[in-house]
Amino acid sequence: MYQRTRKKARRDAICKRMREGKDLKRVEQIAEIGPRPETYSPPELRRVVIVIDYDLETKIDVFRLERTNRIDSYSVSHKQQEPEGMGWSRFCKRLSGHYPRLLSPYSAD
C-alpha cells in the first residue's frame, strides 16, 4: 500500500470542500430559479418572408419557413418547389443570391 502524505491529504480536503461548495451553489440556484418551464413547441408555420422587387419589374415572392424537427432550422418552400431544410443565415445568403445586384449605368464607362 502506498503512503498518503500530508500534502496529498490537505489537497484532497481542499478539493472536497470545493466540490461540496459547488454542489451547494447548484442546489441554491435550482431552488431560486424554480421548476423548468415547458419545452417550447414552435408553430407549424414559423415565418413568412415577402419580398417585393421593384428593380426590373414589380415582382412579389413569398417564402414560407415551416417547422422541422430541429429548433434552429426551417423547411423553406418557394413557388411550389420541394421544401429544403436550412437555417436562418443560409436562407439570408440564398435570398441575396436570388436577387443579384444590377449594374450601375456608370459601369459601362
PDB file of N, CA and C in Angstrom:
ATOM      1  N   MET A   1       0.845  -1.184   0.000  1.00  0.00           N
ATOM      2  CA  MET A   1       0.000   0.000   0.000  1.00  0.00           C
ATOM      3  C   MET A   1       0.887   1.242   0.000  1.00  0.00           C
ATOM      4  N   TYR A   2       0.484   2.269  -0.717  1.00  0.00           N
ATOM      5  CA  TYR A   2       1.276   3.492  -0.772  1.00  0.00           C
ATOM      6  C   TYR A   2       0.972   4.371   0.434  1.00  0.00           C
ATOM      7  N   GLN A   3       1.911   5.228   0.750  1.00  0.00           N
ATOM      8  CA  GLN A   3       1.714   6.141   1.870  1.00  0.00           C
ATOM      9  C   GLN A   3       1.024   7.404   1.392  1.00  0.00           C
ATOM     10  N   ARG A   4       0.179   7.880   2.240  1.00  0.00           N
ATOM     11  CA  ARG A   4      -0.552   9.103   1.912  1.00  0.00           C
ATOM     12  C   ARG A   4       0.116  10.265   2.646  1.00  0.00           C
ATOM     13  N   THR A   5       0.612  11.213   1.901  1.00  0.00           N
ATOM     14  CA  THR A   5       1.340  12.319   2.522  1.00  0.00           C
ATOM     15  C   THR A   5       0.384  13.385   3.041  1.00  0.00           C
ATOM     16  N   ARG A   6       0.937  14.226   3.904  1.00  0.00           N
ATOM     17  CA  ARG A   6       0.119  15.314   4.450  1.00  0.00           C
ATOM     18  C   ARG A   6      -0.292  16.289   3.338  1.00  0.00           C
ATOM     19  N   LYS A   7       0.622  16.496   2.404  1.00  0.00           N
ATOM     20  CA  LYS A   7       0.324  17.404   1.295  1.00  0.00           C
ATOM     21  C   LYS A   7      -0.842  16.884   0.463  1.00  0.00           C
ATOM     22  N   LYS A   8      -0.824  15.580   0.188  1.00  0.00           N
ATOM     23  CA  LYS A   8      -1.912  14.961  -0.589  1.00  0.00           C
ATOM     24  C   LYS A   8      -3.220  15.006   0.189  1.00  0.00           C
ATOM     25  N   ALA A   9      -3.179  14.721   1.487  1.00  0.00           N
ATOM     26  CA  ALA A   9      -4.386  14.746   2.316  1.00  0.00           C
ATOM     27  C   ALA A   9      -4.967  16.159   2.370  1.00  0.00           C
ATOM     28  N   ARG A  10      -4.072  17.158   2.486  1.00  0.00           N
ATOM     29  CA  ARG A  10      -4.528  18.545   2.521  1.00  0.00           C
ATOM     30  C   ARG A  10      -5.195  18.926   1.192  1.00  0.00           C
ATOM     31  N   ARG A  11      -4.571  18.556   0.087  1.00  0.00           N
ATOM     32  CA  ARG A  11      -5.122  18.860  -1.232  1.00  0.00           C
ATOM     33  C   ARG A  11      -6.481  18.170  -1.423  1.00  0.00           C
ATOM     34  N   ASP A  12      -6.603  16.920  -0.994  1.00  0.00           N
ATOM     35  CA  ASP A  12      -7.876  16.193  -1.089  1.00  0.00           C
ATOM     36  C   ASP A  12      -8.974  16.882  -0.281  1.00  0.00           C
ATOM     37  N   ALA A  13      -8.613  17.369   0.915  1.00  0.00           N
ATOM     38  CA  ALA A  13      -9.603  18.050   1.753  1.00  0.00           C
ATOM     39  C   ALA A  13     -10.063  19.350   1.088  1.00  0.00           C
ATOM     40  N   ILE A  14      -9.129  20.099   0.502  1.00  0.00           N
ATOM     41  CA  ILE A  14      -9.479  21.348  -0.179  1.00  0.00           C
ATOM     42  C   ILE A  14     -10.410  21.060  -1.363  1.00  0.00           C
ATOM     43  N   CYS A  15     -10.056  20.049  -2.158  1.00  0.00           N
ATOM     44  CA  CYS A  15     -10.887  19.709  -3.327  1.00  0.00           C
ATOM     45  C   CYS A  15     -12.275  19.227  -2.913  1.00  0.00           C
ATOM     46  N   LYS A  16     -12.344  18.500  -1.793  1.00  0.00           N
ATOM     47  CA  LYS A  16     -13.644  18.026  -1.307  1.00  0.00           C
ATOM     48  C   LYS A  16     -14.520  19.209  -0.910  1.00  0.00           C
ATOM     49  N   ARG A  17     -13.943  20.192  -0.200  1.00  0.00           N
ATOM     50  CA  ARG A  17     -14.711  21.382   0.178  1.00  0.00           C
ATOM     51  C   ARG A  17     -15.163  22.158  -1.059  1.00  0.00           C
ATOM     52  N   MET A  18     -14.289  22.224  -2.070  1.00  0.00           N
ATOM     53  CA  MET A  18     -14.670  22.918  -3.305  1.00  0.00           C
ATOM     54  C   MET A  18     -15.840  22.214  -3.986  1.00  0.00           C
ATOM     55  N   ARG A  19     -15.800  20.887  -4.066  1.00  0.00           N
ATOM     56  CA  ARG A  19     -16.901  20.137  -4.685  1.00  0.00           C
ATOM     57  C   ARG A  19     -18.193  20.324  -3.912  1.00  0.00           C
ATOM     58  N   GLU A  20     -18.107  20.297  -2.585  1.00  0.00           N
ATOM     59  CA  GLU A  20     -19.307  20.496  -1.764  1.00  0.00           C
ATOM     60  C   GLU A  20     -19.876  21.902  -1.959  1.00  0.00           C
ATOM     61  N   GLY A  21     -18.983  22.897  -2.063  1.00  0.00           N
ATOM     62  CA  GLY A  21     -19.427  24.277  -2.296  1.00  0.00           C
ATOM     63  C   GLY A  21     -20.129  24.418  -3.641  1.00  0.00           C
ATOM     64  N   LYS A  22     -19.579  23.784  -4.674  1.00  0.00           N
ATOM     65  CA  LYS A  22     -20.206  23.839  -5.999  1.00  0.00           C
ATOM     66  C   LYS A  22     -21.569  23.169  -5.982  1.00  0.00           C
ATOM     67  N   ASP A  23     -21.672  22.020  -5.300  1.00  0.00           N
ATOM     68  CA  ASP A  23     -22.965  21.326  -5.207  1.00  0.00           C
ATOM     69  C   ASP A  23     -23.990  22.176  -4.471  1.00  0.00           C
ATOM     70  N   LEU A  24     -23.564  22.819  -3.382  1.00  0.00           N
ATOM     71  CA  LEU A  24     -24.470  23.670  -2.613  1.00  0.00           C
ATOM     72  C   LEU A  24     -24.948  24.851  -3.465  1.00  0.00           C
ATOM     73  N   LYS A  25     -24.031  25.465  -4.210  1.00  0.00           N
ATOM     74  CA  LYS A  25     -24.393  26.589  -5.073  1.00  0.00           C
ATOM     75  C   LYS A  25     -25.380  26.149  -6.151  1.00  0.00           C
ATOM     76  N   ARG A  26     -25.153  24.964  -6.733  1.00  0.00           N
ATOM     77  CA  ARG A  26     -26.050  24.444  -7.760  1.00  0.00           C
ATOM     78  C   ARG A  26     -27.443  24.214  -7.190  1.00  0.00           C
ATOM     79  N   VAL A  27     -27.536  23.633  -5.985  1.00  0.00           N
ATOM     80  CA  VAL A  27     -28.831  23.377  -5.349  1.00  0.00           C
ATOM     81  C   VAL A  27     -29.548  24.691  -5.046  1.00  0.00           C
ATOM     82  N   GLU A  28     -28.806  25.698  -4.592  1.00  0.00           N
ATOM     83  CA  GLU A  28     -29.414  27.004  -4.313  1.00  0.00           C
ATOM     84  C   GLU A  28     -29.943  27.662  -5.589  1.00  0.00           C
ATOM     85  N   GLN A  29     -29.176  27.554  -6.674  1.00  0.00           N
ATOM     86  CA  GLN A  29     -29.635  28.134  -7.943  1.00  0.00           C
ATOM     87  C   GLN A  29     -30.895  27.441  -8.443  1.00  0.00           C
ATOM     88  N   ILE A  30     -30.958  26.126  -8.315  1.00  0.00           N
ATOM     89  CA  ILE A  30     -32.150  25.387  -8.739  1.00  0.00           C
ATOM     90  C   ILE A  30     -33.361  25.823  -7.923  1.00  0.00           C
ATOM     91  N   ALA A  31     -33.169  25.984  -6.597  1.00  0.00           N
ATOM     92  CA  ALA A  31     -34.276  26.406  -5.742  1.00  0.00           C
ATOM     93  C   ALA A  31     -34.709  27.839  -6.074  1.00  0.00           C
ATOM     94  N   GLU A  32     -33.755  28.707  -6.404  1.00  0.00           N
ATOM     95  CA  GLU A  32     -34.067  30.098  -6.720  1.00  0.00           C
ATOM     96  C   GLU A  32     -34.800  30.228  -8.052  1.00  0.00           C
ATOM     97  N   ILE A  33     -34.357  29.489  -9.050  1.00  0.00           N
ATOM     98  CA  ILE A  33     -34.961  29.568 -10.381  1.00  0.00           C
ATOM     99  C   ILE A  33     -36.339  28.926 -10.398  1.00  0.00           C
ATOM    100  N   GLY A  34     -36.495  27.836  -9.694  1.00  0.00           N
ATOM    101  CA  GLY A  34     -37.771  27.150  -9.668  1.00  0.00           C
ATOM    102  C   GLY A  34     -37.831  26.078 -10.740  1.00  0.00           C
ATOM    103  N   PRO A  35     -39.006  25.511 -10.940  1.00  0.00           N
ATOM    104  CA  PRO A  35     -39.117  24.429 -11.933  1.00  0.00           C
ATOM    105  C   PRO A  35     -38.923  24.960 -13.354  1.00  0.00           C
ATOM    106  N   ARG A  36     -38.436  24.109 -14.207  1.00  0.00           N
ATOM    107  CA  ARG A  36     -38.234  24.486 -15.605  1.00  0.00           C
ATOM    108  C   ARG A  36     -39.571  24.684 -16.298  1.00  0.00           C
ATOM    109  N   PRO A  37     -39.623  25.655 -17.224  1.00  0.00           N
ATOM    110  CA  PRO A  37     -40.864  25.815 -18.000  1.00  0.00           C
ATOM    111  C   PRO A  37     -41.003  24.669 -18.998  1.00  0.00           C
ATOM    112  N   GLU A  38     -42.191  24.553 -19.549  1.00  0.00           N
ATOM    113  CA  GLU A  38     -42.411  23.519 -20.557  1.00  0.00           C
ATOM    114  C   GLU A  38     -41.473  23.747 -21.726  1.00  0.00           C
ATOM    115  N   THR A  39     -41.132  22.672 -22.408  1.00  0.00           N
ATOM    116  CA  THR A  39     -40.290  22.833 -23.582  1.00  0.00           C
ATOM    117  C   THR A  39     -41.095  23.550 -24.661  1.00  0.00           C
ATOM    118  N   TYR A  40     -40.421  24.411 -25.393  1.00  0.00           N
ATOM    119  CA  TYR A  40     -41.073  25.216 -26.416  1.00  0.00           C
ATOM    120  C   TYR A  40     -41.382  24.360 -27.631  1.00  0.00           C
ATOM    121  N   SER A  41     -42.596  24.436 -28.096  1.00  0.00           N
ATOM    122  CA  SER A  41     -43.007  23.746 -29.307  1.00  0.00           C
ATOM    123  C   SER A  41     -43.432  24.806 -30.322  1.00  0.00           C
ATOM    124  N   PRO A  42     -42.606  25.065 -31.343  1.00  0.00           N
ATOM    125  CA  PRO A  42     -42.925  26.136 -32.289  1.00  0.00           C
ATOM    126  C   PRO A  42     -44.135  25.785 -33.145  1.00  0.00           C
ATOM    127  N   PRO A  43     -44.803  26.817 -33.696  1.00  0.00           N
ATOM    128  CA  PRO A  43     -45.948  26.564 -34.571  1.00  0.00           C
ATOM    129  C   PRO A  43     -45.503  25.933 -35.894  1.00  0.00           C
ATOM    130  N   GLU A  44     -46.428  25.341 -36.603  1.00  0.00           N
ATOM    131  CA  GLU A  44     -46.121  24.668 -37.870  1.00  0.00           C
ATOM    132  C   GLU A  44     -45.525  25.645 -38.883  1.00  0.00           C
ATOM    133  N   LEU A  45     -46.150  26.804 -39.054  1.00  0.00           N
ATOM    134  CA  LEU A  45     -45.629  27.847 -39.941  1.00  0.00           C
ATOM    135  C   LEU A  45     -44.913  28.860 -39.063  1.00  0.00           C
ATOM    136  N   ARG A  46     -43.585  28.913 -39.175  1.00  0.00           N
ATOM    137  CA  ARG A  46     -42.811  29.759 -38.277  1.00  0.00           C
ATOM    138  C   ARG A  46     -42.633  31.170 -38.795  1.00  0.00           C
ATOM    139  N   ARG A  47     -42.331  31.316 -40.090  1.00  0.00           N
ATOM    140  CA  ARG A  47     -42.128  32.657 -40.650  1.00  0.00           C
ATOM    141  C   ARG A  47     -42.602  32.679 -42.097  1.00  0.00           C
ATOM    142  N   VAL A  48     -43.019  33.856 -42.526  1.00  0.00           N
ATOM    143  CA  VAL A  48     -43.331  34.104 -43.931  1.00  0.00           C
ATOM    144  C   VAL A  48     -42.540  35.346 -44.325  1.00  0.00           C
ATOM    145  N   VAL A  49     -41.716  35.205 -45.352  1.00  0.00           N
ATOM    146  CA  VAL A  49     -40.917  36.334 -45.834  1.00  0.00           C
ATOM    147  C   VAL A  49     -41.475  36.734 -47.192  1.00  0.00           C
ATOM    148  N   ILE A  50     -41.916  37.978 -47.283  1.00  0.00           N
ATOM    149  CA  ILE A  50     -42.472  38.503 -48.528  1.00  0.00           C
ATOM    150  C   ILE A  50     -41.483  39.524 -49.081  1.00  0.00           C
ATOM    151  N   VAL A  51     -41.041  39.287 -50.309  1.00  0.00           N
ATOM    152  CA  VAL A  51     -40.074  40.181 -50.956  1.00  0.00           C
ATOM    153  C   VAL A  51     -40.769  40.833 -52.142  1.00  0.00           C
ATOM    154  N   ILE A  52     -40.767  42.156 -52.160  1.00  0.00           N
ATOM    155  CA  ILE A  52     -41.307  42.909 -53.290  1.00  0.00           C
ATOM    156  C   ILE A  52     -40.119  43.539 -53.998  1.00  0.00           C
ATOM    157  N   ASP A  53     -39.904  43.124 -55.231  1.00  0.00           N
ATOM    158  CA  ASP A  53     -38.742  43.563 -56.009  1.00  0.00           C
ATOM    159  C   ASP A  53     -39.199  44.543 -57.072  1.00  0.00           C
ATOM    160  N   TYR A  54     -38.665  45.771 -57.026  1.00  0.00           N
ATOM    161  CA  TYR A  54     -39.036  46.808 -57.980  1.00  0.00           C
ATOM    162  C   TYR A  54     -37.957  47.060 -59.027  1.00  0.00           C
ATOM    163  N   ASP A  55     -36.876  46.272 -59.053  1.00  0.00           N
ATOM    164  CA  ASP A  55     -35.746  46.573 -59.933  1.00  0.00           C
ATOM    165  C   ASP A  55     -36.135  46.579 -61.408  1.00  0.00           C
ATOM    166  N   LEU A  56     -36.397  45.460 -61.988  1.00  0.00           N
ATOM    167  CA  LEU A  56     -36.727  45.402 -63.415  1.00  0.00           C
ATOM    168  C   LEU A  56     -38.224  45.536 -63.641  1.00  0.00           C
ATOM    169  N   GLU A  57     -38.957  44.776 -62.894  1.00  0.00           N
ATOM    170  CA  GLU A  57     -40.414  44.845 -62.935  1.00  0.00           C
ATOM    171  C   GLU A  57     -40.889  44.507 -61.537  1.00  0.00           C
ATOM    172  N   THR A  58     -42.071  44.890 -61.207  1.00  0.00           N
ATOM    173  CA  THR A  58     -42.583  44.591 -59.874  1.00  0.00           C
ATOM    174  C   THR A  58     -42.839  43.096 -59.755  1.00  0.00           C
ATOM    175  N   LYS A  59     -42.152  42.489 -58.824  1.00  0.00           N
ATOM    176  CA  LYS A  59     -42.262  41.045 -58.639  1.00  0.00           C
ATOM    177  C   LYS A  59     -42.395  40.768 -57.146  1.00  0.00           C
ATOM    178  N   ILE A  60     -43.349  39.931 -56.785  1.00  0.00           N
ATOM    179  CA  ILE A  60     -43.576  39.582 -55.383  1.00  0.00           C
ATOM    180  C   ILE A  60     -43.253  38.106 -55.207  1.00  0.00           C
ATOM    181  N   ASP A  61     -42.392  37.813 -54.269  1.00  0.00           N
ATOM    182  CA  ASP A  61     -42.049  36.435 -53.934  1.00  0.00           C
ATOM    183  C   ASP A  61     -42.393  36.182 -52.475  1.00  0.00           C
ATOM    184  N   VAL A  62     -42.948  35.006 -52.219  1.00  0.00           N
ATOM    185  CA  VAL A  62     -43.324  34.624 -50.869  1.00  0.00           C
ATOM    186  C   VAL A  62     -42.540  33.363 -50.495  1.00  0.00           C
ATOM    187  N   PHE A  63     -41.804  33.441 -49.408  1.00  0.00           N
ATOM    188  CA  PHE A  63     -41.046  32.303 -48.886  1.00  0.00           C
ATOM    189  C   PHE A  63     -41.708  31.861 -47.589  1.00  0.00           C
ATOM    190  N   ARG A  64     -42.028  30.588 -47.501  1.00  0.00           N
ATOM    191  CA  ARG A  64     -42.667  30.036 -46.302  1.00  0.00           C
ATOM    192  C   ARG A  64     -41.643  29.208 -45.541  1.00  0.00           C
ATOM    193  N   LEU A  65     -41.384  29.571 -44.299  1.00  0.00           N
ATOM    194  CA  LEU A  65     -40.432  28.867 -43.452  1.00  0.00           C
ATOM    195  C   LEU A  65     -41.231  28.086 -42.415  1.00  0.00           C
ATOM    196  N   GLU A  66     -41.227  26.778 -42.542  1.00  0.00           N
ATOM    197  CA  GLU A  66     -42.035  25.929 -41.673  1.00  0.00           C
ATOM    198  C   GLU A  66     -41.167  25.172 -40.693  1.00  0.00           C
ATOM    199  N   ARG A  67     -41.807  24.607 -39.704  1.00  0.00           N
ATOM    200  CA  ARG A  67     -41.130  23.900 -38.618  1.00  0.00           C
ATOM    201  C   ARG A  67     -40.473  22.618 -39.113  1.00  0.00           C
ATOM    202  N   THR A  68     -39.331  22.287 -38.526  1.00  0.00           N
ATOM    203  CA  THR A  68     -38.679  20.996 -38.735  1.00  0.00           C
ATOM    204  C   THR A  68     -38.478  20.355 -37.372  1.00  0.00           C
ATOM    205  N   ASN A  69     -37.818  19.221 -37.339  1.00  0.00           N
ATOM    206  CA  ASN A  69     -37.590  18.572 -36.052  1.00  0.00           C
ATOM    207  C   ASN A  69     -36.444  19.222 -35.275  1.00  0.00           C
ATOM    208  N   ARG A  70     -35.758  20.198 -35.874  1.00  0.00           N
ATOM    209  CA  ARG A  70     -34.710  20.956 -35.186  1.00  0.00           C
ATOM    210  C   ARG A  70     -35.206  22.369 -34.938  1.00  0.00           C
ATOM    211  N   ILE A  71     -34.864  22.939 -33.791  1.00  0.00           N
ATOM    212  CA  ILE A  71     -35.346  24.271 -33.434  1.00  0.00           C
ATOM    213  C   ILE A  71     -34.628  25.366 -34.221  1.00  0.00           C
ATOM    214  N   ASP A  72     -33.413  25.074 -34.723  1.00  0.00           N
ATOM    215  CA  ASP A  72     -32.620  26.108 -35.382  1.00  0.00           C
ATOM    216  C   ASP A  72     -32.646  26.018 -36.899  1.00  0.00           C
ATOM    217  N   SER A  73     -33.576  25.272 -37.466  1.00  0.00           N
ATOM    218  CA  SER A  73     -33.657  25.195 -38.930  1.00  0.00           C
ATOM    219  C   SER A  73     -35.113  25.211 -39.377  1.00  0.00           C
ATOM    220  N   TYR A  74     -35.277  25.515 -40.657  1.00  0.00           N
ATOM    221  CA  TYR A  74     -36.613  25.656 -41.240  1.00  0.00           C
ATOM    222  C   TYR A  74     -36.722  24.795 -42.484  1.00  0.00           C
ATOM    223  N   SER A  75     -37.939  24.512 -42.859  1.00  0.00           N
ATOM    224  CA  SER A  75     -38.225  23.886 -44.135  1.00  0.00           C
ATOM    225  C   SER A  75     -38.735  25.007 -45.037  1.00  0.00           C
ATOM    226  N   VAL A  76     -37.902  25.434 -45.994  1.00  0.00           N
ATOM    227  CA  VAL A  76     -38.198  26.612 -46.807  1.00  0.00           C
ATOM    228  C   VAL A  76     -38.821  26.185 -48.125  1.00  0.00           C
ATOM    229  N   SER A  77     -39.999  26.728 -48.422  1.00  0.00           N
ATOM    230  CA  SER A  77     -40.642  26.448 -49.705  1.00  0.00           C
ATOM    231  C   SER A  77     -40.892  27.773 -50.425  1.00  0.00           C
ATOM    232  N   HIS A  78     -40.779  27.706 -51.759  1.00  0.00           N
ATOM    233  CA  HIS A  78     -40.921  28.906 -52.587  1.00  0.00           C
ATOM    234  C   HIS A  78     -41.443  28.482 -53.945  1.00  0.00           C
ATOM    235  N   LYS A  79     -42.522  29.086 -54.399  1.00  0.00           N
ATOM    236  CA  LYS A  79     -43.115  28.815 -55.712  1.00  0.00           C
ATOM    237  C   LYS A  79     -43.409  27.332 -55.919  1.00  0.00           C
ATOM    238  N   GLN A  80     -44.041  26.719 -54.981  1.00  0.00           N
ATOM    239  CA  GLN A  80     -44.470  25.313 -55.075  1.00  0.00           C
ATOM    240  C   GLN A  80     -43.305  24.344 -55.299  1.00  0.00           C
ATOM    241  N   GLN A  81     -42.084  24.747 -54.983  1.00  0.00           N
ATOM    242  CA  GLN A  81     -40.938  23.851 -55.116  1.00  0.00           C
ATOM    243  C   GLN A  81     -40.856  22.940 -53.902  1.00  0.00           C
ATOM    244  N   GLU A  82     -40.076  21.897 -54.038  1.00  0.00           N
ATOM    245  CA  GLU A  82     -39.862  20.962 -52.937  1.00  0.00           C
ATOM    246  C   GLU A  82     -39.201  21.713 -51.774  1.00  0.00           C
ATOM    247  N   PRO A  83     -39.744  21.597 -50.555  1.00  0.00           N
ATOM    248  CA  PRO A  83     -39.144  22.305 -49.417  1.00  0.00           C
ATOM    249  C   PRO A  83     -37.717  21.829 -49.160  1.00  0.00           C
ATOM    250  N   GLU A  84     -36.883  22.779 -48.765  1.00  0.00           N
ATOM    251  CA  GLU A  84     -35.489  22.480 -48.475  1.00  0.00           C
ATOM    252  C   GLU A  84     -35.173  22.932 -47.057  1.00  0.00           C
ATOM    253  N   GLY A  85     -34.474  22.099 -46.291  1.00  0.00           N
ATOM    254  CA  GLY A  85     -34.135  22.439 -44.918  1.00  0.00           C
ATOM    255  C   GLY A  85     -32.890  23.299 -44.842  1.00  0.00           C
ATOM    256  N   MET A  86     -32.988  24.401 -44.085  1.00  0.00           N
ATOM    257  CA  MET A  86     -31.828  25.272 -43.898  1.00  0.00           C
ATOM    258  C   MET A  86     -32.055  26.175 -42.699  1.00  0.00           C
ATOM    259  N   GLY A  87     -30.963  26.732 -42.194  1.00  0.00           N
ATOM    260  CA  GLY A  87     -31.027  27.678 -41.088  1.00  0.00           C
ATOM    261  C   GLY A  87     -31.282  29.090 -41.583  1.00  0.00           C
ATOM    262  N   TRP A  88     -31.422  30.021 -40.627  1.00  0.00           N
ATOM    263  CA  TRP A  88     -31.756  31.394 -40.970  1.00  0.00           C
ATOM    264  C   TRP A  88     -30.633  32.069 -41.759  1.00  0.00           C
ATOM    265  N   SER A  89     -29.381  31.893 -41.358  1.00  0.00           N
ATOM    266  CA  SER A  89     -28.291  32.577 -42.058  1.00  0.00           C
ATOM    267  C   SER A  89     -28.117  32.031 -43.474  1.00  0.00           C
ATOM    268  N   ARG A  90     -28.296  30.732 -43.650  1.00  0.00           N
ATOM    269  CA  ARG A  90     -28.210  30.164 -45.002  1.00  0.00           C
ATOM    270  C   ARG A  90     -29.362  30.667 -45.869  1.00  0.00           C
ATOM    271  N   PHE A  91     -30.543  30.820 -45.282  1.00  0.00           N
ATOM    272  CA  PHE A  91     -31.682  31.370 -46.015  1.00  0.00           C
ATOM    273  C   PHE A  91     -31.378  32.799 -46.479  1.00  0.00           C
ATOM    274  N   CYS A  92     -30.819  33.618 -45.597  1.00  0.00           N
ATOM    275  CA  CYS A  92     -30.496  35.003 -45.965  1.00  0.00           C
ATOM    276  C   CYS A  92     -29.438  35.042 -47.065  1.00  0.00           C
ATOM    277  N   LYS A  93     -28.464  34.121 -47.005  1.00  0.00           N
ATOM    278  CA  LYS A  93     -27.437  34.061 -48.036  1.00  0.00           C
ATOM    279  C   LYS A  93     -28.053  33.674 -49.379  1.00  0.00           C
ATOM    280  N   ARG A  94     -28.960  32.693 -49.366  1.00  0.00           N
ATOM    281  CA  ARG A  94     -29.640  32.288 -50.599  1.00  0.00           C
ATOM    282  C   ARG A  94     -30.526  33.405 -51.130  1.00  0.00           C
ATOM    283  N   LEU A  95     -31.140  34.152 -50.230  1.00  0.00           N
ATOM    284  CA  LEU A  95     -32.012  35.247 -50.627  1.00  0.00           C
ATOM    285  C   LEU A  95     -31.215  36.330 -51.350  1.00  0.00           C
ATOM    286  N   SER A  96     -30.019  36.623 -50.868  1.00  0.00           N
ATOM    287  CA  SER A  96     -29.199  37.631 -51.541  1.00  0.00           C
ATOM    288  C   SER A  96     -28.742  37.123 -52.907  1.00  0.00           C
ATOM    289  N   GLY A  97     -28.571  35.824 -53.068  1.00  0.00           N
ATOM    290  CA  GLY A  97     -28.223  35.264 -54.370  1.00  0.00           C
ATOM    291  C   GLY A  97     -29.412  35.208 -55.310  1.00  0.00           C
ATOM    292  N   HIS A  98     -30.601  35.131 -54.745  1.00  0.00           N
ATOM    293  CA  HIS A  98     -31.830  35.065 -55.541  1.00  0.00           C
ATOM    294  C   HIS A  98     -32.112  36.405 -56.231  1.00  0.00           C
ATOM    295  N   TYR A  99     -31.667  37.484 -55.611  1.00  0.00           N
ATOM    296  CA  TYR A  99     -31.853  38.826 -56.162  1.00  0.00           C
ATOM    297  C   TYR A  99     -30.479  39.450 -56.386  1.00  0.00           C
ATOM    298  N   PRO A 100     -29.843  39.145 -57.516  1.00  0.00           N
ATOM    299  CA  PRO A 100     -28.481  39.667 -57.747  1.00  0.00           C
ATOM    300  C   PRO A 100     -28.485  41.175 -57.963  1.00  0.00           C
ATOM    301  N   ARG A 101     -27.317  41.771 -57.767  1.00  0.00           N
ATOM    302  CA  ARG A 101     -27.171  43.204 -57.983  1.00  0.00           C
ATOM    303  C   ARG A 101     -27.228  43.516 -59.472  1.00  0.00           C
ATOM    304  N   LEU A 102     -27.760  44.671 -59.774  1.00  0.00           N
ATOM    305  CA  LEU A 102     -27.798  45.138 -61.156  1.00  0.00           C
ATOM    306  C   LEU A 102     -26.624  46.078 -61.396  1.00  0.00           C
ATOM    307  N   LEU A 103     -26.165  46.129 -62.619  1.00  0.00           N
ATOM    308  CA  LEU A 103     -25.064  47.024 -62.944  1.00  0.00           C
ATOM    309  C   LEU A 103     -25.538  48.472 -62.946  1.00  0.00           C
ATOM    310  N   SER A 104     -24.668  49.325 -62.518  1.00  0.00           N
ATOM    311  CA  SER A 104     -24.951  50.749 -62.490  1.00  0.00           C
ATOM    312  C   SER A 104     -24.854  51.301 -63.916  1.00  0.00           C
ATOM    313  N   PRO A 105     -25.595  52.355 -64.250  1.00  0.00           N
ATOM    314  CA  PRO A 105     -25.453  52.963 -65.572  1.00  0.00           C
ATOM    315  C   PRO A 105     -24.039  53.503 -65.820  1.00  0.00           C
ATOM    316  N   TYR A 106     -23.314  53.778 -64.748  1.00  0.00           N
ATOM    317  CA  TYR A 106     -21.953  54.316 -64.868  1.00  0.00           C
ATOM    318  C   TYR A 106     -20.908  53.227 -65.052  1.00  0.00           C
ATOM    319  N   SER A 107     -21.292  51.961 -64.967  1.00  0.00           N
ATOM    320  CA  SER A 107     -20.328  50.885 -65.072  1.00  0.00           C
ATOM    321  C   SER A 107     -19.844  50.668 -66.498  1.00  0.00           C
ATOM    322  N   ALA A 108     -20.564  51.163 -67.500  1.00  0.00           N
ATOM    323  CA  ALA A 108     -20.180  50.993 -68.892  1.00  0.00           C
ATOM    324  C   ALA A 108     -19.012  51.898 -69.261  1.00  0.00           C
ATOM    325  N   ASP A 109     -18.769  52.947 -68.493  1.00  0.00           N
ATOM    326  CA  ASP A 109     -17.681  53.892 -68.814  1.00  0.00           C
ATOM    327  C   ASP A 109     -16.328  53.302 -68.587  1.00  0.00           C
TER     328      ASP A 109
END
